[in-house]
Structure formats: structure tokens, C-alpha cells
Amino acid sequence: MFGALIAYLDSIKARDPAPRSRMEILLYPGVWSVAWHRLAHALFRAHLYFLARFVNHFARFLTGNDIHPGARIGRRLFIDHGFVIIGETAQIGDDVTIYQNVTLGGTDPANGIGGKRHPTIMDGAIIGSGAQVLGPIIVGPRARIGANAVVTKDVPEGATMVGIPARQMLVDVTAYQRDFVPYGTPCKDALDPMTQKLESLQREVERMHRELDELSAEHGERVAQCADKEEQERGCA
């Protein structure tokens, strides 16, 4: 038990450069949110729903995070800062990082999968601040959801999603191989989807210019050949 707590605190320190010690991390509201949720979830599974809800509301009052007692959470979840909402049928894997003001929200049960209304977040995923992940979708392992993104469709493993609605970014291999991206958001213009689209259009225009130059040169050669041929014909006459 003590070893698991130390490993949990060390995993948070690896993802957050701010704390100077493990004791400081013990003051984080996200740590207490997860601890209170473990108790609420145990009560929920024992069908003690009122007590589970009471613990849930008490924890929300203390920490600002609202985690439904029915949500299933894996090991070493790090909620950085707070004001996070996690719905009843949400499932979170191991080593997931969630920043402030994130919602793992539900949709109409009629559109879900057997009552599954909330997302499944796989191991190692990062959900950036303000992101809204909605519906019974799957966010793949090591995926990164950028700040304020709205995600309503499945996210492939290792993908980086940004925007409203969220779109997958083309990330260079150096950024892709990094173990951790703060807020799940690469802060480079070169990785912005609009910048990438503009660069793609510029490359397309350059290609069309090259093809036009080649066609112009070919046309000029044909005109010169025809002129030479006409000169030869007139000389023979």
C-alpha cells in the first residue's frame, strides 16, 4: 500500500515540474479527488448509492472535481488543478493525465452502447485543459487531446487531436516520441492543422507552377519545330 502511494506520487512528479517534494503533491486536490472516488466507487459497487453520492458531493465540495461514483478509474490518474467532470459510465486506464475544466461527458443513452454513455480513455492518454470528450467513444493509448478540443469520435492510438470539432494533427517524429506533452498540446505553429493545410496548399501551388512551366517549355519547343519545318518547306519550294 505504501509502495503504491510512493509510486503514484512519483508518477505525478514526473508529469508536473512544480512540486518540490512528495508531501507537496499530497496537497493536490486531484490526488484527494481520486482517493475519495475510490471510497465512493466501493460504496457504489456495494449498491450503497446514497452513501456513494454523499461521498461524491463531499469530495466535490473539497476539491472542485466531480467524479461520478460509478466511473471506473485505473492506476495513477493525475488530475492537474481541478474542476473536472467525469460521468458515470466513463472508464479511465492507467497513467492518464487530465487537466483543468475537462468534461468526460455523456450522450443520449439511445445512441450509446448498452447503456455506455461516456468515453473510455485508454492508458497513457493526455486530456488538455478545457477539452470536452463526449459520448461512448474510445480515446486510444497515448493519445493527446489538445486544450479546448471537442472530441465526439474515436481517437486512434498515439494521435494528437485539436480544434472544434477535433481533428488529428500531423506531428513530427521528435514530438511523437516524447513521453509526455504538457496539456496534450504541441505549442508550435508548424503543428497547427491550419498551418499544415496552408503549407500543403502552397506545395500544391508550387507543383502546379512547375507543371505549367514544363507545359510552356514543351509548347515553345513545338512552336519552334513547326516554324523550322515551315522554313524548310518554303526553301524547297
Protein backbone atom coordinates (compact mmCIF):
# COMPACT_ATOMS: atom_id res chain seq x y z
CA MET A 1 0.00 0.00 0.00
CA PHE A 2 2.71 2.49 0.98
CA GLY A 3 4.82 1.47 -2.04
CA ALA A 4 1.86 2.02 -4.36
CA LEU A 5 1.32 5.50 -2.90
CA ILE A 6 5.00 6.40 -3.40
CA ALA A 7 4.85 5.16 -6.99
CA TYR A 8 1.70 7.24 -7.55
CA LEU A 9 3.27 10.41 -6.15
CA ASP A 10 6.44 9.85 -8.20
CA SER A 11 4.37 9.40 -11.36
CA ILE A 12 2.76 12.79 -10.73
CA LYS A 13 6.13 14.42 -10.12
CA ALA A 14 7.31 13.05 -13.48
CA ARG A 15 4.39 14.83 -15.17
CA ASP A 16 4.46 18.08 -13.19
CA PRO A 17 7.69 20.05 -12.61
CA ALA A 18 6.11 22.32 -9.96
CA PRO A 19 6.21 20.24 -6.73
CA ARG A 20 9.46 20.10 -4.75
CA SER A 21 8.52 17.04 -2.71
CA ARG A 22 6.05 14.19 -2.39
CA MET A 23 4.50 15.87 0.64
CA GLU A 24 3.60 18.84 -1.52
CA ILE A 25 1.86 16.55 -4.02
CA LEU A 26 -0.26 15.20 -1.18
CA LEU A 27 -1.92 18.64 -1.02
CA TYR A 28 -3.08 18.45 -4.65
CA PRO A 29 -6.90 18.41 -4.96
CA GLY A 30 -6.61 15.91 -7.82
CA VAL A 31 -4.92 13.40 -5.53
CA TRP A 32 -7.68 13.75 -2.95
CA SER A 33 -10.33 13.51 -5.65
CA VAL A 34 -9.03 10.12 -6.72
CA ALA A 35 -8.76 8.95 -3.08
CA TRP A 36 -12.34 9.95 -2.27
CA HIS A 37 -13.52 8.37 -5.52
CA ARG A 38 -12.02 5.02 -4.53
CA LEU A 39 -14.25 5.07 -1.44
CA ALA A 40 -17.32 6.28 -3.36
CA HIS A 41 -16.82 3.65 -6.06
CA ALA A 42 -16.56 0.87 -3.46
CA LEU A 43 -19.86 2.03 -1.94
CA PHE A 44 -21.42 2.25 -5.40
CA ARG A 45 -20.43 -1.32 -6.22
CA ALA A 46 -21.93 -2.41 -2.90
CA HIS A 47 -25.23 -0.79 -4.05
CA LEU A 48 -25.00 1.82 -1.31
CA TYR A 49 -25.88 4.53 -3.78
CA PHE A 50 -26.90 7.24 -1.33
CA LEU A 51 -23.65 6.92 0.64
CA ALA A 52 -21.67 6.82 -2.59
CA ARG A 53 -23.34 10.03 -3.74
CA PHE A 54 -22.77 11.64 -0.35
CA VAL A 55 -19.03 10.93 -0.57
CA ASN A 56 -19.05 12.18 -4.17
CA HIS A 57 -20.66 15.51 -3.22
CA PHE A 58 -18.40 15.91 -0.19
CA ALA A 59 -15.34 15.34 -2.38
CA ARG A 60 -16.63 17.80 -4.97
CA PHE A 61 -17.09 20.43 -2.24
CA LEU A 62 -13.49 19.91 -1.05
CA THR A 63 -11.70 19.52 -4.37
CA GLY A 64 -13.84 21.05 -7.13
CA ASN A 65 -13.76 17.80 -9.11
CA ASP A 66 -16.98 15.91 -9.79
CA ILE A 67 -16.34 12.20 -10.41
CA HIS A 68 -19.44 10.04 -10.52
CA PRO A 69 -19.14 7.07 -8.12
CA GLY A 70 -19.85 4.67 -10.97
CA ALA A 71 -16.87 5.78 -13.08
CA ARG A 72 -14.08 3.21 -13.33
CA ILE A 73 -10.59 4.64 -12.87
CA GLY A 74 -7.29 2.84 -13.33
CA ARG A 75 -3.98 3.38 -11.58
CA ARG A 76 -2.03 6.63 -11.30
CA LEU A 77 -4.65 9.02 -12.68
CA PHE A 78 -3.35 12.59 -12.37
CA ILE A 79 -5.94 15.39 -12.31
CA ASP A 80 -3.90 18.58 -12.54
CA HIS A 81 -5.59 21.59 -10.89
CA GLY A 82 -9.30 20.78 -10.92
CA PHE A 83 -12.91 21.47 -11.94
CA VAL A 84 -13.05 18.21 -13.88
CA ILE A 85 -16.30 16.32 -14.56
CA ILE A 86 -16.24 12.56 -15.13
CA GLY A 87 -19.51 10.79 -15.91
CA GLU A 88 -20.99 7.58 -14.56
CA THR A 89 -20.03 5.15 -17.34
CA ALA A 90 -16.62 6.67 -18.06
CA GLN A 91 -13.66 4.30 -17.98
CA ILE A 92 -10.10 5.55 -17.46
CA GLY A 93 -6.99 3.41 -17.88
CA ASP A 94 -3.59 3.64 -16.21
CA ASP A 95 -1.26 6.68 -16.22
CA VAL A 96 -3.85 9.05 -17.67
CA THR A 97 -3.41 12.82 -17.21
CA ILE A 98 -6.39 15.17 -17.13
CA TYR A 99 -6.02 18.94 -16.87
CA GLN A 100 -8.47 21.52 -15.51
CA ASN A 101 -12.00 22.10 -16.80
CA VAL A 102 -12.19 18.81 -18.71
CA THR A 103 -15.52 17.04 -19.20
CA LEU A 104 -15.83 13.35 -19.92
CA GLY A 105 -19.49 13.72 -20.78
CA GLY A 106 -22.33 11.50 -21.84
CA THR A 107 -24.82 11.45 -24.68
CA ASP A 108 -28.35 10.18 -25.15
CA PRO A 109 -28.40 6.53 -23.95
CA ALA A 110 -30.31 5.63 -27.13
CA ASN A 111 -27.18 6.50 -29.10
CA GLY A 112 -24.85 4.63 -26.77
CA ILE A 113 -23.68 1.05 -26.46
CA GLY A 114 -25.76 -0.91 -23.96
CA GLY A 115 -26.06 2.00 -21.53
CA LYS A 116 -22.46 3.18 -22.11
CA ARG A 117 -22.85 6.94 -22.41
CA HIS A 118 -19.38 8.22 -21.53
CA PRO A 119 -15.88 7.89 -23.03
CA THR A 120 -13.26 5.23 -22.48
CA ILE A 121 -9.80 6.74 -22.02
CA MET A 122 -7.01 4.25 -22.63
CA ASP A 123 -3.60 4.03 -20.90
CA GLY A 124 -1.25 6.99 -21.06
CA ALA A 125 -3.68 9.42 -22.70
CA ILE A 126 -3.46 13.16 -22.00
CA ILE A 127 -6.58 15.34 -21.96
CA GLY A 128 -5.72 19.05 -22.25
CA SER A 129 -7.42 21.83 -20.28
CA GLY A 130 -10.95 22.70 -21.30
CA ALA A 131 -11.33 19.67 -23.57
CA GLN A 132 -14.76 18.07 -23.94
CA VAL A 133 -14.74 14.35 -24.69
CA LEU A 134 -18.32 13.32 -25.30
CA GLY A 135 -20.17 10.08 -25.84
CA PRO A 136 -19.28 6.38 -25.72
CA ILE A 137 -16.10 6.84 -27.75
CA ILE A 138 -12.63 5.41 -27.25
CA VAL A 139 -9.55 7.60 -26.84
CA GLY A 140 -6.66 5.32 -27.78
CA PRO A 141 -3.50 4.63 -25.76
CA ARG A 142 -1.04 7.57 -25.57
CA ALA A 143 -3.43 9.85 -27.46
CA ARG A 144 -3.25 13.60 -26.79
CA ILE A 145 -6.36 15.76 -26.72
CA GLY A 146 -5.40 19.42 -27.11
CA ALA A 147 -6.71 22.27 -24.98
CA ASN A 148 -10.39 23.17 -25.61
CA ALA A 149 -10.81 20.43 -28.21
CA VAL A 150 -14.26 18.87 -28.62
CA VAL A 151 -13.98 15.15 -29.33
CA THR A 152 -17.04 13.17 -30.41
CA LYS A 153 -15.39 10.36 -32.43
CA ASP A 154 -12.90 7.61 -31.63
CA VAL A 155 -9.28 8.73 -31.38
CA PRO A 156 -6.56 6.41 -32.78
CA GLU A 157 -3.64 5.28 -30.67
CA GLY A 158 -0.98 7.97 -30.32
CA ALA A 159 -2.99 10.60 -32.22
CA THR A 160 -2.96 14.29 -31.30
CA MET A 161 -6.36 15.97 -31.65
CA VAL A 162 -7.07 19.70 -31.69
CA GLY A 163 -9.92 22.02 -32.62
CA ILE A 164 -13.72 22.09 -32.72
CA PRO A 165 -14.61 19.53 -33.84
CA ALA A 166 -11.30 17.86 -33.03
CA ARG A 167 -9.07 16.96 -35.97
CA GLN A 168 -5.95 14.83 -36.00
CA MET A 169 -2.65 16.67 -36.37
CA LEU A 170 0.40 15.57 -38.31
CA VAL A 171 3.09 15.52 -35.62
CA ASP A 172 6.79 15.26 -36.40
CA VAL A 173 8.56 12.15 -35.15
CA THR A 174 10.53 14.09 -32.50
CA ALA A 175 7.34 15.32 -30.85
CA TYR A 176 5.65 11.94 -31.30
CA GLN A 177 8.38 10.07 -29.46
CA ARG A 178 8.23 12.31 -26.41
CA ASP A 179 6.90 10.51 -23.34
CA PHE A 180 4.83 13.45 -22.16
CA VAL A 181 3.34 16.58 -23.73
CA PRO A 182 2.03 19.14 -21.20
CA TYR A 183 -1.67 19.87 -21.70
CA GLY A 184 -1.59 17.41 -24.62
CA THR A 185 -0.97 20.40 -26.89
CA PRO A 186 2.19 20.80 -29.01
CA CYS A 187 2.85 24.56 -28.91
CA LYS A 188 4.35 25.03 -32.36
CA ASP A 189 2.84 26.79 -35.37
CA ALA A 190 4.24 24.03 -37.58
CA LEU A 191 1.95 21.52 -35.83
CA ASP A 192 -1.21 23.60 -36.18
CA PRO A 193 -3.71 22.00 -38.62
CA MET A 194 -4.41 25.33 -40.35
CA THR A 195 -0.67 25.96 -40.78
CA GLN A 196 -0.24 22.46 -42.16
CA LYS A 197 -3.18 22.99 -44.54
CA LEU A 198 -1.69 26.28 -45.74
CA GLU A 199 1.70 24.64 -46.31
CA SER A 200 0.01 21.82 -48.20
CA LEU A 201 -1.78 24.34 -50.43
CA GLN A 202 1.48 26.21 -51.01
CA ARG A 203 3.18 22.98 -52.07
CA GLU A 204 0.28 22.25 -54.41
CA VAL A 205 0.55 25.72 -55.98
CA GLU A 206 4.31 25.26 -56.43
CA ARG A 207 3.71 21.88 -58.11
CA MET A 208 1.16 23.42 -60.45
CA HIS A 209 3.62 26.23 -61.30
CA ARG A 210 6.29 23.65 -62.17
CA GLU A 211 3.87 21.70 -64.37
CA LEU A 212 2.78 24.93 -66.08
CA ASP A 213 6.41 25.89 -66.74
CA GLU A 214 7.07 22.43 -68.18
CA LEU A 215 4.00 22.67 -70.43
CA SER A 216 5.00 26.18 -71.54
CA ALA A 217 8.51 24.99 -72.38
CA GLU A 218 7.14 21.98 -74.27
CA HIS A 219 4.72 24.22 -76.17
CA GLY A 220 7.57 26.61 -77.06
CA GLU A 221 9.64 23.73 -78.41
CA ARG A 222 6.75 22.55 -80.58
CA VAL A 223 6.16 26.06 -81.94
CA ALA A 224 9.88 26.36 -82.78
CA GLN A 225 9.85 22.95 -84.51
CA CYS A 226 6.81 23.92 -86.58
CA ALA A 227 8.44 27.22 -87.55
CA ASP A 228 11.62 25.41 -88.65
CA LYS A 229 9.56 22.94 -90.64
CA GLU A 230 7.71 25.76 -92.42
CA GLU A 231 11.02 27.49 -93.24
CA GLN A 232 12.37 24.25 -94.73
CA GLU A 233 9.23 23.74 -96.81
CA ARG A 234 9.39 27.28 -98.19
CA GLY A 235 13.08 26.81 -99.03
CA CYS A 236 12.34 23.67 -101.05
CA ALA A 237 9.57 25.42 -102.96
